[in-house]
């Protein structure tokens, strides 16, 4: 009989992030190495480095700020790509650190109501399932409200997650009033004394006035039963959309009181730097990031770890 030995240890958060951000990291790292090869940090290389950061979707303003900080007192100096990556990582971490905030459940609010919004295709319903698992691991009792009543698949998806983690799912018929369903779910959650109620909503395009009005109605109706709810309003963003994520945050924050962001699909894009642009622009807490399709690939956001993985710094 073959001896396969012990199973390899699970990947660390840094290793998972590094693998997930490989497309962004590879593009940025290769550019840094190519730009600095045998050259000094002069005006030309500085401009090329700034362009490399912009191409990684960090945003023009952030790219300029980061490069200016690195170039200060180093003009015309030799600098290795290793040192530059470490400097880049440190400057990016400075921007990200203020938004590194865990999603904490206030036990005094029972149930703690989390409303989850986002445009079509961001992986919103899957994210809700993974959030439910995250809280279940903390020994919190979770309930799902299948408020995306336009999609039978979304309701079925939540029911699968409910079965998986032992969470009740409040659902209605296809096309049912989402605000009414959210109200009924909150009433049921209070009756059952669950700890966390996570409300799904239809994936709505930010330019669809009617759908945005419905989202606003959900918030208003929930508030009739609990004036302090929802206690958290999360916007799920797809990293592959790059700079479009900024217009999505702009649109949603004008409709509902956003309290935090979740960024998915970082493993499928070379635009991972968009997280830096979002942090600098809005200052909203970034609670979780998705670096894969597995159940455990939704990870709490860690600024320094993300910055190192993004830049290829060790």
C-alpha atoms as a PDB file:
ATOM      1  CA  UNK A   1       0.000   0.000   0.000  1.00  0.00           C
ATOM      2  CA  UNK A   2       1.320   3.415  -0.938  1.00  0.00           C
ATOM      3  CA  UNK A   3       2.063   5.816   1.901  1.00  0.00           C
ATOM      4  CA  UNK A   4       0.870   9.228   0.843  1.00  0.00           C
ATOM      5  CA  UNK A   5       2.067  10.806   4.094  1.00  0.00           C
ATOM      6  CA  UNK A   6       0.341  13.625   5.911  1.00  0.00           C
ATOM      7  CA  UNK A   7      -1.925  16.019   4.077  1.00  0.00           C
ATOM      8  CA  UNK A   8      -0.254  19.349   3.281  1.00  0.00           C
ATOM      9  CA  UNK A   9      -1.018  22.111   5.783  1.00  0.00           C
ATOM     10  CA  UNK A  10      -3.793  24.529   4.758  1.00  0.00           C
ATOM     11  CA  UNK A  11      -2.694  27.651   2.950  1.00  0.00           C
ATOM     12  CA  UNK A  12      -2.157  30.762   5.056  1.00  0.00           C
ATOM     13  CA  UNK A  13      -4.229  33.876   4.350  1.00  0.00           C
ATOM     14  CA  UNK A  14      -1.213  35.432   2.607  1.00  0.00           C
ATOM     15  CA  UNK A  15      -0.763  32.356   0.411  1.00  0.00           C
ATOM     16  CA  UNK A  16      -4.456  32.322  -0.491  1.00  0.00           C
ATOM     17  CA  UNK A  17      -4.370  36.019  -1.303  1.00  0.00           C
ATOM     18  CA  UNK A  18      -1.156  35.687  -3.282  1.00  0.00           C
ATOM     19  CA  UNK A  19      -2.687  32.928  -5.371  1.00  0.00           C
ATOM     20  CA  UNK A  20      -5.960  34.798  -5.779  1.00  0.00           C
ATOM     21  CA  UNK A  21      -4.297  38.057  -6.761  1.00  0.00           C
ATOM     22  CA  UNK A  22      -1.762  36.405  -9.043  1.00  0.00           C
ATOM     23  CA  UNK A  23      -3.038  38.084 -12.217  1.00  0.00           C
ATOM     24  CA  UNK A  24      -2.804  41.586 -10.749  1.00  0.00           C
ATOM     25  CA  UNK A  25       0.486  40.819  -8.992  1.00  0.00           C
ATOM     26  CA  UNK A  26       2.103  39.294 -12.071  1.00  0.00           C
ATOM     27  CA  UNK A  27       1.244  42.284 -14.236  1.00  0.00           C
ATOM     28  CA  UNK A  28       2.453  44.795 -11.652  1.00  0.00           C
ATOM     29  CA  UNK A  29       5.547  42.824 -10.631  1.00  0.00           C
ATOM     30  CA  UNK A  30       6.659  42.233 -14.227  1.00  0.00           C
ATOM     31  CA  UNK A  31       6.257  45.921 -15.035  1.00  0.00           C
ATOM     32  CA  UNK A  32       8.285  46.974 -11.979  1.00  0.00           C
ATOM     33  CA  UNK A  33      11.089  44.580 -12.871  1.00  0.00           C
ATOM     34  CA  UNK A  34      11.076  45.705 -16.503  1.00  0.00           C
ATOM     35  CA  UNK A  35      11.007  49.398 -15.663  1.00  0.00           C
ATOM     36  CA  UNK A  36      13.846  49.270 -13.141  1.00  0.00           C
ATOM     37  CA  UNK A  37      16.157  46.935 -15.028  1.00  0.00           C
ATOM     38  CA  UNK A  38      19.539  48.697 -14.901  1.00  0.00           C
ATOM     39  CA  UNK A  39      17.954  52.138 -14.466  1.00  0.00           C
ATOM     40  CA  UNK A  40      17.759  54.810 -11.783  1.00  0.00           C
ATOM     41  CA  UNK A  41      14.625  56.230 -10.241  1.00  0.00           C
ATOM     42  CA  UNK A  42      14.505  59.247 -12.542  1.00  0.00           C
ATOM     43  CA  UNK A  43      11.602  61.222 -14.001  1.00  0.00           C
ATOM     44  CA  UNK A  44      11.043  58.663 -16.773  1.00  0.00           C
ATOM     45  CA  UNK A  45      10.995  55.597 -14.538  1.00  0.00           C
ATOM     46  CA  UNK A  46       8.779  57.421 -12.025  1.00  0.00           C
ATOM     47  CA  UNK A  47       6.262  58.195 -14.781  1.00  0.00           C
ATOM     48  CA  UNK A  48       6.343  54.575 -15.990  1.00  0.00           C
ATOM     49  CA  UNK A  49       5.818  53.241 -12.460  1.00  0.00           C
ATOM     50  CA  UNK A  50       2.855  55.575 -11.988  1.00  0.00           C
ATOM     51  CA  UNK A  51       1.351  54.304 -15.235  1.00  0.00           C
ATOM     52  CA  UNK A  52       1.828  50.701 -14.037  1.00  0.00           C
ATOM     53  CA  UNK A  53      -0.171  51.443 -10.884  1.00  0.00           C
ATOM     54  CA  UNK A  54      -2.924  53.128 -12.892  1.00  0.00           C
ATOM     55  CA  UNK A  55      -3.142  50.075 -15.171  1.00  0.00           C
ATOM     56  CA  UNK A  56      -3.630  47.921 -12.043  1.00  0.00           C
ATOM     57  CA  UNK A  57      -6.679  50.136 -11.357  1.00  0.00           C
ATOM     58  CA  UNK A  58      -5.366  51.888  -8.248  1.00  0.00           C
ATOM     59  CA  UNK A  59      -6.647  55.151  -9.722  1.00  0.00           C
ATOM     60  CA  UNK A  60      -4.695  58.133 -11.003  1.00  0.00           C
ATOM     61  CA  UNK A  61      -4.803  60.156  -7.777  1.00  0.00           C
ATOM     62  CA  UNK A  62      -3.673  57.253  -5.605  1.00  0.00           C
ATOM     63  CA  UNK A  63      -0.974  56.226  -8.071  1.00  0.00           C
ATOM     64  CA  UNK A  64       0.441  59.769  -8.043  1.00  0.00           C
ATOM     65  CA  UNK A  65       0.379  59.972  -4.238  1.00  0.00           C
ATOM     66  CA  UNK A  66       2.086  56.599  -3.808  1.00  0.00           C
ATOM     67  CA  UNK A  67       4.812  57.278  -6.369  1.00  0.00           C
ATOM     68  CA  UNK A  68       5.509  60.755  -4.963  1.00  0.00           C
ATOM     69  CA  UNK A  69       6.003  59.272  -1.500  1.00  0.00           C
ATOM     70  CA  UNK A  70       8.389  56.637  -2.848  1.00  0.00           C
ATOM     71  CA  UNK A  71      10.341  59.056  -5.061  1.00  0.00           C
ATOM     72  CA  UNK A  72      10.854  61.572  -2.238  1.00  0.00           C
ATOM     73  CA  UNK A  73      14.577  61.724  -1.365  1.00  0.00           C
ATOM     74  CA  UNK A  74      15.284  58.893  -3.796  1.00  0.00           C
ATOM     75  CA  UNK A  75      15.458  60.824  -7.072  1.00  0.00           C
ATOM     76  CA  UNK A  76      18.186  59.487  -9.366  1.00  0.00           C
ATOM     77  CA  UNK A  77      18.994  56.774  -6.830  1.00  0.00           C
ATOM     78  CA  UNK A  78      19.406  53.095  -7.633  1.00  0.00           C
ATOM     79  CA  UNK A  79      16.664  50.964  -6.139  1.00  0.00           C
ATOM     80  CA  UNK A  80      16.098  47.243  -6.507  1.00  0.00           C
ATOM     81  CA  UNK A  81      12.741  45.869  -7.569  1.00  0.00           C
ATOM     82  CA  UNK A  82      12.679  43.998  -4.224  1.00  0.00           C
ATOM     83  CA  UNK A  83      12.977  47.245  -2.260  1.00  0.00           C
ATOM     84  CA  UNK A  84      10.502  49.025  -4.518  1.00  0.00           C
ATOM     85  CA  UNK A  85       7.873  46.319  -3.986  1.00  0.00           C
ATOM     86  CA  UNK A  86       8.305  46.638  -0.227  1.00  0.00           C
ATOM     87  CA  UNK A  87       7.970  50.428  -0.418  1.00  0.00           C
ATOM     88  CA  UNK A  88       4.895  50.135  -2.652  1.00  0.00           C
ATOM     89  CA  UNK A  89       3.355  47.642  -0.260  1.00  0.00           C
ATOM     90  CA  UNK A  90       3.903  49.958   2.723  1.00  0.00           C
ATOM     91  CA  UNK A  91       2.357  52.967   0.960  1.00  0.00           C
ATOM     92  CA  UNK A  92      -0.649  50.957  -0.247  1.00  0.00           C
ATOM     93  CA  UNK A  93      -1.156  49.553   3.254  1.00  0.00           C
ATOM     94  CA  UNK A  94      -1.304  53.132   4.611  1.00  0.00           C
ATOM     95  CA  UNK A  95      -4.277  53.828   2.342  1.00  0.00           C
ATOM     96  CA  UNK A  96      -5.999  50.534   3.145  1.00  0.00           C
ATOM     97  CA  UNK A  97      -5.436  50.337   6.903  1.00  0.00           C
ATOM     98  CA  UNK A  98      -8.253  52.765   7.859  1.00  0.00           C
ATOM     99  CA  UNK A  99     -10.850  50.608   6.044  1.00  0.00           C
ATOM    100  CA  UNK A 100      -9.681  47.311   7.564  1.00  0.00           C
ATOM    101  CA  UNK A 101     -12.678  46.737   9.806  1.00  0.00           C
ATOM    102  CA  UNK A 102     -14.226  43.371  10.689  1.00  0.00           C
ATOM    103  CA  UNK A 103     -17.981  43.001  10.392  1.00  0.00           C
ATOM    104  CA  UNK A 104     -18.934  42.808  14.052  1.00  0.00           C
ATOM    105  CA  UNK A 105     -22.358  41.597  15.186  1.00  0.00           C
ATOM    106  CA  UNK A 106     -23.815  43.680  17.990  1.00  0.00           C
ATOM    107  CA  UNK A 107     -25.334  41.076  20.321  1.00  0.00           C
ATOM    108  CA  UNK A 108     -27.515  43.784  21.893  1.00  0.00           C
ATOM    109  CA  UNK A 109     -29.427  43.977  18.605  1.00  0.00           C
ATOM    110  CA  UNK A 110     -31.358  40.753  18.207  1.00  0.00           C
ATOM    111  CA  UNK A 111     -31.561  39.887  15.457  1.00  0.00           C
ATOM    112  CA  UNK A 112     -28.668  41.795  13.913  1.00  0.00           C
ATOM    113  CA  UNK A 113     -30.018  42.604  10.440  1.00  0.00           C
ATOM    114  CA  UNK A 114     -27.646  42.664   7.479  1.00  0.00           C
ATOM    115  CA  UNK A 115     -29.003  43.908   4.141  1.00  0.00           C
ATOM    116  CA  UNK A 116     -26.919  42.870   1.138  1.00  0.00           C
ATOM    117  CA  UNK A 117     -27.120  44.752  -2.167  1.00  0.00           C
ATOM    118  CA  UNK A 118     -25.263  44.753  -5.466  1.00  0.00           C
ATOM    119  CA  UNK A 119     -25.638  44.747  -9.231  1.00  0.00           C
ATOM    120  CA  UNK A 120     -26.263  41.651 -11.314  1.00  0.00           C
ATOM    121  CA  UNK A 121     -23.460  39.115 -11.476  1.00  0.00           C
ATOM    122  CA  UNK A 122     -21.364  40.173  -8.495  1.00  0.00           C
ATOM    123  CA  UNK A 123     -21.815  36.847  -6.690  1.00  0.00           C
ATOM    124  CA  UNK A 124     -24.087  38.456  -4.124  1.00  0.00           C
ATOM    125  CA  UNK A 125     -26.198  35.430  -3.199  1.00  0.00           C
ATOM    126  CA  UNK A 126     -23.137  33.174  -2.947  1.00  0.00           C
ATOM    127  CA  UNK A 127     -21.500  35.798  -0.745  1.00  0.00           C
ATOM    128  CA  UNK A 128     -24.550  35.770   1.533  1.00  0.00           C
ATOM    129  CA  UNK A 129     -24.243  32.005   1.911  1.00  0.00           C
ATOM    130  CA  UNK A 130     -20.565  32.317   2.786  1.00  0.00           C
ATOM    131  CA  UNK A 131     -21.328  35.098   5.266  1.00  0.00           C
ATOM    132  CA  UNK A 132     -23.872  32.809   6.877  1.00  0.00           C
ATOM    133  CA  UNK A 133     -21.236  30.113   7.244  1.00  0.00           C
ATOM    134  CA  UNK A 134     -18.806  32.663   8.705  1.00  0.00           C
ATOM    135  CA  UNK A 135     -21.308  33.592  11.422  1.00  0.00           C
ATOM    136  CA  UNK A 136     -22.370  29.980  12.024  1.00  0.00           C
ATOM    137  CA  UNK A 137     -18.738  29.175  12.801  1.00  0.00           C
ATOM    138  CA  UNK A 138     -18.950  31.836  15.502  1.00  0.00           C
ATOM    139  CA  UNK A 139     -21.825  29.872  17.043  1.00  0.00           C
ATOM    140  CA  UNK A 140     -24.353  32.488  15.911  1.00  0.00           C
ATOM    141  CA  UNK A 141     -27.771  31.344  14.736  1.00  0.00           C
ATOM    142  CA  UNK A 142     -28.392  32.629  11.227  1.00  0.00           C
ATOM    143  CA  UNK A 143     -31.535  33.150   9.168  1.00  0.00           C
ATOM    144  CA  UNK A 144     -31.692  34.030   5.473  1.00  0.00           C
ATOM    145  CA  UNK A 145     -34.370  36.149   3.785  1.00  0.00           C
ATOM    146  CA  UNK A 146     -34.603  35.332   0.070  1.00  0.00           C
ATOM    147  CA  UNK A 147     -35.421  38.865  -1.033  1.00  0.00           C
ATOM    148  CA  UNK A 148     -34.256  38.378  -4.616  1.00  0.00           C
ATOM    149  CA  UNK A 149     -37.766  37.378  -5.597  1.00  0.00           C
ATOM    150  CA  UNK A 150     -37.097  37.904  -9.320  1.00  0.00           C
ATOM    151  CA  UNK A 151     -34.808  34.884  -9.557  1.00  0.00           C
ATOM    152  CA  UNK A 152     -35.961  31.420  -8.565  1.00  0.00           C
ATOM    153  CA  UNK A 153     -32.320  30.324  -8.770  1.00  0.00           C
ATOM    154  CA  UNK A 154     -31.340  32.819  -6.077  1.00  0.00           C
ATOM    155  CA  UNK A 155     -34.021  31.452  -3.745  1.00  0.00           C
ATOM    156  CA  UNK A 156     -32.911  27.876  -4.422  1.00  0.00           C
ATOM    157  CA  UNK A 157     -29.293  28.854  -3.866  1.00  0.00           C
ATOM    158  CA  UNK A 158     -30.059  30.304  -0.432  1.00  0.00           C
ATOM    159  CA  UNK A 159     -32.105  27.230   0.469  1.00  0.00           C
ATOM    160  CA  UNK A 160     -29.102  25.052  -0.339  1.00  0.00           C
ATOM    161  CA  UNK A 161     -26.899  27.225   1.873  1.00  0.00           C
ATOM    162  CA  UNK A 162     -29.571  27.121   4.591  1.00  0.00           C
ATOM    163  CA  UNK A 163     -29.545  23.339   4.569  1.00  0.00           C
ATOM    164  CA  UNK A 164     -25.752  23.310   4.570  1.00  0.00           C
ATOM    165  CA  UNK A 165     -25.335  25.473   7.682  1.00  0.00           C
ATOM    166  CA  UNK A 166     -28.623  24.744   9.443  1.00  0.00           C
ATOM    167  CA  UNK A 167     -30.172  28.160   8.793  1.00  0.00           C
ATOM    168  CA  UNK A 168     -33.861  28.799   8.230  1.00  0.00           C
ATOM    169  CA  UNK A 169     -34.703  30.474   4.913  1.00  0.00           C
ATOM    170  CA  UNK A 170     -37.727  32.755   4.647  1.00  0.00           C
ATOM    171  CA  UNK A 171     -38.856  32.778   1.009  1.00  0.00           C
ATOM    172  CA  UNK A 172     -41.949  33.715  -0.949  1.00  0.00           C
ATOM    173  CA  UNK A 173     -43.279  33.001  -4.398  1.00  0.00           C
ATOM    174  CA  UNK A 174     -41.502  34.260  -7.496  1.00  0.00           C
ATOM    175  CA  UNK A 175     -42.169  37.950  -8.003  1.00  0.00           C
ATOM    176  CA  UNK A 176     -43.410  38.476  -4.432  1.00  0.00           C
ATOM    177  CA  UNK A 177     -43.015  41.909  -2.832  1.00  0.00           C
ATOM    178  CA  UNK A 178     -39.442  41.995  -1.556  1.00  0.00           C
ATOM    179  CA  UNK A 179     -40.110  44.608   1.132  1.00  0.00           C
ATOM    180  CA  UNK A 180     -43.013  42.596   2.522  1.00  0.00           C
ATOM    181  CA  UNK A 181     -40.891  39.457   2.556  1.00  0.00           C
ATOM    182  CA  UNK A 182     -38.090  41.264   4.410  1.00  0.00           C
ATOM    183  CA  UNK A 183     -40.635  42.482   6.972  1.00  0.00           C
ATOM    184  CA  UNK A 184     -42.012  38.948   7.469  1.00  0.00           C
ATOM    185  CA  UNK A 185     -38.474  37.563   7.774  1.00  0.00           C
ATOM    186  CA  UNK A 186     -37.583  40.068  10.474  1.00  0.00           C
ATOM    187  CA  UNK A 187     -40.784  39.235  12.391  1.00  0.00           C
ATOM    188  CA  UNK A 188     -39.955  35.530  12.108  1.00  0.00           C
ATOM    189  CA  UNK A 189     -36.324  36.104  13.153  1.00  0.00           C
ATOM    190  CA  UNK A 190     -37.446  37.971  16.265  1.00  0.00           C
ATOM    191  CA  UNK A 191     -39.898  35.224  17.131  1.00  0.00           C
ATOM    192  CA  UNK A 192     -37.236  32.521  16.657  1.00  0.00           C
ATOM    193  CA  UNK A 193     -34.657  34.609  18.562  1.00  0.00           C
ATOM    194  CA  UNK A 194     -31.965  34.160  15.902  1.00  0.00           C
ATOM    195  CA  UNK A 195     -28.757  36.158  16.166  1.00  0.00           C
ATOM    196  CA  UNK A 196     -28.285  37.282  12.569  1.00  0.00           C
ATOM    197  CA  UNK A 197     -30.766  37.877   9.747  1.00  0.00           C
ATOM    198  CA  UNK A 198     -29.180  38.286   6.318  1.00  0.00           C
ATOM    199  CA  UNK A 199     -31.481  39.768   3.681  1.00  0.00           C
ATOM    200  CA  UNK A 200     -30.778  39.134   0.006  1.00  0.00           C
ATOM    201  CA  UNK A 201     -32.016  41.669  -2.552  1.00  0.00           C
ATOM    202  CA  UNK A 202     -32.455  41.562  -6.311  1.00  0.00           C
ATOM    203  CA  UNK A 203     -29.312  42.225  -8.307  1.00  0.00           C
ATOM    204  CA  UNK A 204     -30.242  45.624  -9.563  1.00  0.00           C
ATOM    205  CA  UNK A 205     -28.541  47.837 -12.101  1.00  0.00           C
ATOM    206  CA  UNK A 206     -27.766  51.226 -10.608  1.00  0.00           C
ATOM    207  CA  UNK A 207     -29.473  53.064 -13.464  1.00  0.00           C
ATOM    208  CA  UNK A 208     -32.806  51.246 -12.936  1.00  0.00           C
ATOM    209  CA  UNK A 209     -34.760  53.801 -10.945  1.00  0.00           C
ATOM    210  CA  UNK A 210     -37.638  51.458 -10.081  1.00  0.00           C
ATOM    211  CA  UNK A 211     -35.410  48.751  -8.688  1.00  0.00           C
ATOM    212  CA  UNK A 212     -33.424  51.262  -6.643  1.00  0.00           C
ATOM    213  CA  UNK A 213     -36.707  52.611  -5.257  1.00  0.00           C
ATOM    214  CA  UNK A 214     -37.593  49.068  -4.201  1.00  0.00           C
ATOM    215  CA  UNK A 215     -34.320  48.769  -2.301  1.00  0.00           C
ATOM    216  CA  UNK A 216     -35.093  52.018  -0.532  1.00  0.00           C
ATOM    217  CA  UNK A 217     -38.564  50.623   0.320  1.00  0.00           C
ATOM    218  CA  UNK A 218     -37.040  47.495   1.881  1.00  0.00           C
ATOM    219  CA  UNK A 219     -34.966  49.667   4.222  1.00  0.00           C
ATOM    220  CA  UNK A 220     -38.016  51.762   5.111  1.00  0.00           C
ATOM    221  CA  UNK A 221     -40.281  48.773   5.779  1.00  0.00           C
ATOM    222  CA  UNK A 222     -37.710  46.953   7.921  1.00  0.00           C
ATOM    223  CA  UNK A 223     -37.393  50.151   9.949  1.00  0.00           C
ATOM    224  CA  UNK A 224     -41.092  50.009  10.847  1.00  0.00           C
ATOM    225  CA  UNK A 225     -40.481  46.816  12.815  1.00  0.00           C
ATOM    226  CA  UNK A 226     -37.084  47.813  14.211  1.00  0.00           C
ATOM    227  CA  UNK A 227     -36.167  51.484  13.941  1.00  0.00           C
ATOM    228  CA  UNK A 228     -32.452  50.643  14.224  1.00  0.00           C
ATOM    229  CA  UNK A 229     -32.512  48.108  11.352  1.00  0.00           C
ATOM    230  CA  UNK A 230     -30.878  47.314   9.060  1.00  0.00           C
ATOM    231  CA  UNK A 231     -27.819  47.354  11.298  1.00  0.00           C
ATOM    232  CA  UNK A 232     -25.415  46.772   8.417  1.00  0.00           C
ATOM    233  CA  UNK A 233     -25.868  47.458   4.708  1.00  0.00           C
ATOM    234  CA  UNK A 234     -23.251  45.748   2.573  1.00  0.00           C
ATOM    235  CA  UNK A 235     -22.543  46.365  -1.098  1.00  0.00           C
ATOM    236  CA  UNK A 236     -21.049  43.418  -2.973  1.00  0.00           C
ATOM    237  CA  UNK A 237     -18.714  44.473  -5.781  1.00  0.00           C
ATOM    238  CA  UNK A 238     -17.116  42.451  -8.562  1.00  0.00           C
ATOM    239  CA  UNK A 239     -13.394  43.219  -8.899  1.00  0.00           C
ATOM    240  CA  UNK A 240     -13.436  42.381 -12.611  1.00  0.00           C
ATOM    241  CA  UNK A 241     -15.485  45.534 -13.292  1.00  0.00           C
ATOM    242  CA  UNK A 242     -12.517  47.718 -12.294  1.00  0.00           C
ATOM    243  CA  UNK A 243     -13.280  51.427 -12.173  1.00  0.00           C
ATOM    244  CA  UNK A 244     -17.015  50.758 -12.699  1.00  0.00           C
ATOM    245  CA  UNK A 245     -17.093  49.726  -9.033  1.00  0.00           C
ATOM    246  CA  UNK A 246     -16.693  53.398  -8.117  1.00  0.00           C
ATOM    247  CA  UNK A 247     -19.873  54.429  -9.950  1.00  0.00           C
ATOM    248  CA  UNK A 248     -21.733  51.538  -8.289  1.00  0.00           C
ATOM    249  CA  UNK A 249     -20.756  52.708  -4.794  1.00  0.00           C
ATOM    250  CA  UNK A 250     -21.738  56.260  -5.743  1.00  0.00           C
ATOM    251  CA  UNK A 251     -25.172  55.106  -6.901  1.00  0.00           C
ATOM    252  CA  UNK A 252     -25.979  52.830  -3.970  1.00  0.00           C
ATOM    253  CA  UNK A 253     -24.790  55.131  -1.204  1.00  0.00           C
ATOM    254  CA  UNK A 254     -27.261  57.739  -2.427  1.00  0.00           C
ATOM    255  CA  UNK A 255     -30.134  55.271  -1.933  1.00  0.00           C
ATOM    256  CA  UNK A 256     -29.258  53.247   1.169  1.00  0.00           C
ATOM    257  CA  UNK A 257     -26.964  53.894   4.143  1.00  0.00           C
ATOM    258  CA  UNK A 258     -24.006  51.748   3.103  1.00  0.00           C
ATOM    259  CA  UNK A 259     -21.922  50.595   6.053  1.00  0.00           C
ATOM    260  CA  UNK A 260     -19.378  48.377   4.307  1.00  0.00           C
ATOM    261  CA  UNK A 261     -18.098  46.684   1.162  1.00  0.00           C
ATOM    262  CA  UNK A 262     -17.389  43.127   0.065  1.00  0.00           C
ATOM    263  CA  UNK A 263     -15.162  42.642  -2.991  1.00  0.00           C
ATOM    264  CA  UNK A 264     -15.527  39.376  -4.910  1.00  0.00           C
ATOM    265  CA  UNK A 265     -13.712  37.722  -7.844  1.00  0.00           C
ATOM    266  CA  UNK A 266     -10.270  39.147  -7.066  1.00  0.00           C
ATOM    267  CA  UNK A 267      -8.861  35.869  -8.375  1.00  0.00           C
ATOM    268  CA  UNK A 268     -10.272  36.485 -11.845  1.00  0.00           C
ATOM    269  CA  UNK A 269      -8.890  39.918 -12.647  1.00  0.00           C
ATOM    270  CA  UNK A 270      -5.774  41.990 -13.203  1.00  0.00           C
ATOM    271  CA  UNK A 271      -7.654  44.944 -11.658  1.00  0.00           C
ATOM    272  CA  UNK A 272      -7.138  44.101  -7.969  1.00  0.00           C
ATOM    273  CA  UNK A 273      -5.873  47.609  -7.320  1.00  0.00           C
ATOM    274  CA  UNK A 274      -9.467  48.899  -7.496  1.00  0.00           C
ATOM    275  CA  UNK A 275      -9.708  48.160  -3.780  1.00  0.00           C
ATOM    276  CA  UNK A 276      -7.127  50.895  -3.157  1.00  0.00           C
ATOM    277  CA  UNK A 277      -9.067  53.408  -5.240  1.00  0.00           C
ATOM    278  CA  UNK A 278     -12.298  52.553  -3.381  1.00  0.00           C
ATOM    279  CA  UNK A 279     -10.646  52.902   0.020  1.00  0.00           C
ATOM    280  CA  UNK A 280      -9.219  56.317  -0.831  1.00  0.00           C
ATOM    281  CA  UNK A 281     -12.401  57.597  -2.476  1.00  0.00           C
ATOM    282  CA  UNK A 282     -15.078  56.464  -0.009  1.00  0.00           C
ATOM    283  CA  UNK A 283     -13.395  55.369   3.211  1.00  0.00           C
ATOM    284  CA  UNK A 284     -16.072  52.691   3.672  1.00  0.00           C
ATOM    285  CA  UNK A 285     -15.041  49.638   5.695  1.00  0.00           C
ATOM    286  CA  UNK A 286     -13.950  46.704   3.546  1.00  0.00           C
ATOM    287  CA  UNK A 287     -15.159  43.708   5.517  1.00  0.00           C
ATOM    288  CA  UNK A 288     -14.443  40.753   3.235  1.00  0.00           C
ATOM    289  CA  UNK A 289     -12.741  39.876  -0.029  1.00  0.00           C
ATOM    290  CA  UNK A 290     -13.370  36.884  -2.273  1.00  0.00           C
ATOM    291  CA  UNK A 291     -10.334  35.154  -3.774  1.00  0.00           C
ATOM    292  CA  UNK A 292     -11.943  32.019  -5.179  1.00  0.00           C
ATOM    293  CA  UNK A 293     -15.153  30.043  -5.557  1.00  0.00           C
ATOM    294  CA  UNK A 294     -14.675  27.725  -2.583  1.00  0.00           C
ATOM    295  CA  UNK A 295     -16.723  28.011   0.591  1.00  0.00           C
ATOM    296  CA  UNK A 296     -13.711  29.297   2.512  1.00  0.00           C
ATOM    297  CA  UNK A 297     -12.511  31.745  -0.137  1.00  0.00           C
ATOM    298  CA  UNK A 298     -14.381  34.684   1.380  1.00  0.00           C
ATOM    299  CA  UNK A 299     -11.793  36.098   3.770  1.00  0.00           C
ATOM    300  CA  UNK A 300     -11.829  38.976   6.266  1.00  0.00           C
ATOM    301  CA  UNK A 301      -9.936  41.896   4.750  1.00  0.00           C
ATOM    302  CA  UNK A 302      -6.410  42.456   6.085  1.00  0.00           C
ATOM    303  CA  UNK A 303      -4.738  45.609   4.725  1.00  0.00           C
ATOM    304  CA  UNK A 304      -1.047  44.737   5.094  1.00  0.00           C
ATOM    305  CA  UNK A 305      -1.514  41.174   3.881  1.00  0.00           C
ATOM    306  CA  UNK A 306      -3.481  42.413   0.865  1.00  0.00           C
ATOM    307  CA  UNK A 307      -0.872  45.093   0.060  1.00  0.00           C
ATOM    308  CA  UNK A 308       1.964  42.548   0.144  1.00  0.00           C
ATOM    309  CA  UNK A 309       0.070  40.091  -2.020  1.00  0.00           C
ATOM    310  CA  UNK A 310      -0.910  42.833  -4.469  1.00  0.00           C
ATOM    311  CA  UNK A 311       2.643  44.078  -5.005  1.00  0.00           C
ATOM    312  CA  UNK A 312       4.464  40.751  -4.750  1.00  0.00           C
ATOM    313  CA  UNK A 313       6.391  41.980  -1.710  1.00  0.00           C
ATOM    314  CA  UNK A 314       7.698  39.300   0.629  1.00  0.00           C
END
